[in-house]
Amino acid sequence: MSANYNAMIEYWGLGCPNGGKVCICEGARSEFIGCCLSDPCADGSGTCPEKHIRQTTFSEDKYAYVPIQDCDSAEGKDNWYTCEFNKPPFLGCC
């Protein structure tokens, strides 16, 4: 992952409390941001297999600034959640 993505991960405080690695697949067929046990960016698909997806957390002080993402589902943006009061905070598609 590029230094630019590492800076983004640090700025937003992205982390994987239940394992995996934060991945950002910008420009992939299905853009992905979140925690995955495998690398969804490696083949250009941006798809993390369902059994590899892990919880993604972020810095709760960034809550108001997290941009809404379009989920890879029929519901799209309606499936995107940021939950600042969870411990740890959660962001992702549900």
C-alpha atoms as a PDB file:
ATOM      1  CA  MET A   1       0.000   0.000   0.000  1.00  0.00           C
ATOM      2  CA  SER A   2       1.311   3.438  -0.831  1.00  0.00           C
ATOM      3  CA  ALA A   3       2.526   5.968   1.710  1.00  0.00           C
ATOM      4  CA  ASN A   4      -0.492   8.098   0.777  1.00  0.00           C
ATOM      5  CA  TYR A   5      -2.836   5.318   1.943  1.00  0.00           C
ATOM      6  CA  ASN A   6      -0.800   4.847   5.106  1.00  0.00           C
ATOM      7  CA  ALA A   7      -1.257   8.560   5.847  1.00  0.00           C
ATOM      8  CA  MET A   8      -5.018   8.198   5.262  1.00  0.00           C
ATOM      9  CA  ILE A   9      -5.186   5.192   7.579  1.00  0.00           C
ATOM     10  CA  GLU A  10      -3.342   7.129  10.268  1.00  0.00           C
ATOM     11  CA  TYR A  11      -5.439  10.301   9.801  1.00  0.00           C
ATOM     12  CA  TRP A  12      -8.770   8.469  10.067  1.00  0.00           C
ATOM     13  CA  GLY A  13      -7.452   6.126  12.774  1.00  0.00           C
ATOM     14  CA  LEU A  14      -8.521   3.065  10.786  1.00  0.00           C
ATOM     15  CA  GLY A  15      -7.834  -0.236  12.450  1.00  0.00           C
ATOM     16  CA  CYS A  16      -8.759  -3.906  12.576  1.00  0.00           C
ATOM     17  CA  PRO A  17      -9.574  -4.889  16.185  1.00  0.00           C
ATOM     18  CA  ASN A  18     -10.452  -8.473  15.189  1.00  0.00           C
ATOM     19  CA  GLY A  19      -7.586  -9.194  12.828  1.00  0.00           C
ATOM     20  CA  GLY A  20      -6.963  -8.597   9.171  1.00  0.00           C
ATOM     21  CA  LYS A  21      -5.350  -5.592   7.552  1.00  0.00           C
ATOM     22  CA  VAL A  22      -6.803  -2.231   6.541  1.00  0.00           C
ATOM     23  CA  CYS A  23      -7.060  -2.206   2.752  1.00  0.00           C
ATOM     24  CA  ILE A  24      -7.980   0.648   0.439  1.00  0.00           C
ATOM     25  CA  CYS A  25      -8.622  -0.483  -3.135  1.00  0.00           C
ATOM     26  CA  GLU A  26      -9.107   2.782  -4.987  1.00  0.00           C
ATOM     27  CA  GLY A  27      -9.657   2.304  -8.713  1.00  0.00           C
ATOM     28  CA  ALA A  28     -10.510  -1.407  -8.379  1.00  0.00           C
ATOM     29  CA  ARG A  29     -13.567  -2.844 -10.157  1.00  0.00           C
ATOM     30  CA  SER A  30     -15.308  -2.656  -6.764  1.00  0.00           C
ATOM     31  CA  GLU A  31     -13.558  -0.053  -4.611  1.00  0.00           C
ATOM     32  CA  PHE A  32     -12.994  -1.356  -1.088  1.00  0.00           C
ATOM     33  CA  ILE A  33     -12.092   0.215   2.234  1.00  0.00           C
ATOM     34  CA  GLY A  34     -11.984  -1.944   5.323  1.00  0.00           C
ATOM     35  CA  CYS A  35     -10.332  -4.850   7.087  1.00  0.00           C
ATOM     36  CA  CYS A  36      -9.718  -8.101   5.266  1.00  0.00           C
ATOM     37  CA  LEU A  37      -7.694 -11.247   5.981  1.00  0.00           C
ATOM     38  CA  SER A  38      -6.641 -11.396   2.317  1.00  0.00           C
ATOM     39  CA  ASP A  39      -5.658  -8.587  -0.081  1.00  0.00           C
ATOM     40  CA  PRO A  40      -8.758  -7.519  -2.041  1.00  0.00           C
ATOM     41  CA  CYS A  41      -6.632  -5.149  -4.135  1.00  0.00           C
ATOM     42  CA  ALA A  42      -4.188  -7.801  -5.418  1.00  0.00           C
ATOM     43  CA  ASP A  43      -6.262  -8.999  -8.373  1.00  0.00           C
ATOM     44  CA  GLY A  44      -7.851  -5.618  -9.126  1.00  0.00           C
ATOM     45  CA  SER A  45     -11.310  -6.790  -8.072  1.00  0.00           C
ATOM     46  CA  GLY A  46     -11.506  -4.949  -4.741  1.00  0.00           C
ATOM     47  CA  THR A  47     -13.530  -7.871  -3.406  1.00  0.00           C
ATOM     48  CA  CYS A  48     -12.821  -9.221   0.067  1.00  0.00           C
ATOM     49  CA  PRO A  49     -14.374 -12.697   0.411  1.00  0.00           C
ATOM     50  CA  GLU A  50     -17.183 -12.638   2.972  1.00  0.00           C
ATOM     51  CA  LYS A  51     -15.358 -15.082   5.262  1.00  0.00           C
ATOM     52  CA  HIS A  52     -12.294 -12.759   5.229  1.00  0.00           C
ATOM     53  CA  ILE A  53     -14.075  -9.486   6.116  1.00  0.00           C
ATOM     54  CA  ARG A  54     -13.319  -8.166   9.601  1.00  0.00           C
ATOM     55  CA  GLN A  55     -14.621  -5.246  11.650  1.00  0.00           C
ATOM     56  CA  THR A  56     -13.134  -1.849  10.793  1.00  0.00           C
ATOM     57  CA  THR A  57     -12.772   0.878  13.385  1.00  0.00           C
ATOM     58  CA  PHE A  58     -11.886   4.572  13.168  1.00  0.00           C
ATOM     59  CA  SER A  59     -11.081   7.534  15.429  1.00  0.00           C
ATOM     60  CA  GLU A  60     -14.375   8.635  16.945  1.00  0.00           C
ATOM     61  CA  ASP A  61     -13.255  12.285  16.840  1.00  0.00           C
ATOM     62  CA  LYS A  62     -13.389  12.021  13.008  1.00  0.00           C
ATOM     63  CA  TYR A  63     -17.028  10.832  12.996  1.00  0.00           C
ATOM     64  CA  ALA A  64     -18.520  14.030  11.551  1.00  0.00           C
ATOM     65  CA  TYR A  65     -15.998  14.021   8.708  1.00  0.00           C
ATOM     66  CA  VAL A  66     -16.183  10.414   7.484  1.00  0.00           C
ATOM     67  CA  PRO A  67     -17.555  10.543   3.920  1.00  0.00           C
ATOM     68  CA  ILE A  68     -20.442   8.239   3.053  1.00  0.00           C
ATOM     69  CA  GLN A  69     -19.340   5.315   0.910  1.00  0.00           C
ATOM     70  CA  ASP A  70     -21.340   3.417  -1.704  1.00  0.00           C
ATOM     71  CA  CYS A  71     -21.636  -0.220  -0.656  1.00  0.00           C
ATOM     72  CA  ASP A  72     -21.367  -3.069  -3.153  1.00  0.00           C
ATOM     73  CA  SER A  73     -24.993  -4.124  -2.680  1.00  0.00           C
ATOM     74  CA  ALA A  74     -28.436  -3.313  -4.045  1.00  0.00           C
ATOM     75  CA  GLU A  75     -28.912  -0.837  -1.179  1.00  0.00           C
ATOM     76  CA  GLY A  76     -25.683   1.046  -1.985  1.00  0.00           C
ATOM     77  CA  LYS A  77     -25.178   4.032   0.314  1.00  0.00           C
ATOM     78  CA  ASP A  78     -28.127   2.954   2.480  1.00  0.00           C
ATOM     79  CA  ASN A  79     -25.955   0.094   3.805  1.00  0.00           C
ATOM     80  CA  TRP A  80     -23.057   2.371   4.919  1.00  0.00           C
ATOM     81  CA  TYR A  81     -22.726   2.923   8.664  1.00  0.00           C
ATOM     82  CA  THR A  82     -20.465   4.906  10.959  1.00  0.00           C
ATOM     83  CA  CYS A  83     -21.097   4.224  14.629  1.00  0.00           C
ATOM     84  CA  GLU A  84     -19.042   6.457  16.903  1.00  0.00           C
ATOM     85  CA  PHE A  85     -20.436   5.209  20.221  1.00  0.00           C
ATOM     86  CA  ASN A  86     -19.601   1.544  19.669  1.00  0.00           C
ATOM     87  CA  LYS A  87     -16.513   0.421  21.557  1.00  0.00           C
ATOM     88  CA  PRO A  88     -14.507   0.425  19.365  1.00  0.00           C
ATOM     89  CA  PRO A  89     -16.240   2.710  16.818  1.00  0.00           C
ATOM     90  CA  PHE A  90     -17.385   0.962  13.616  1.00  0.00           C
ATOM     91  CA  LEU A  91     -17.506   1.911   9.961  1.00  0.00           C
ATOM     92  CA  GLY A  92     -18.517  -0.195   7.025  1.00  0.00           C
ATOM     93  CA  CYS A  93     -21.300  -1.766   5.042  1.00  0.00           C
ATOM     94  CA  CYS A  94     -23.900  -3.966   6.731  1.00  0.00           C
END
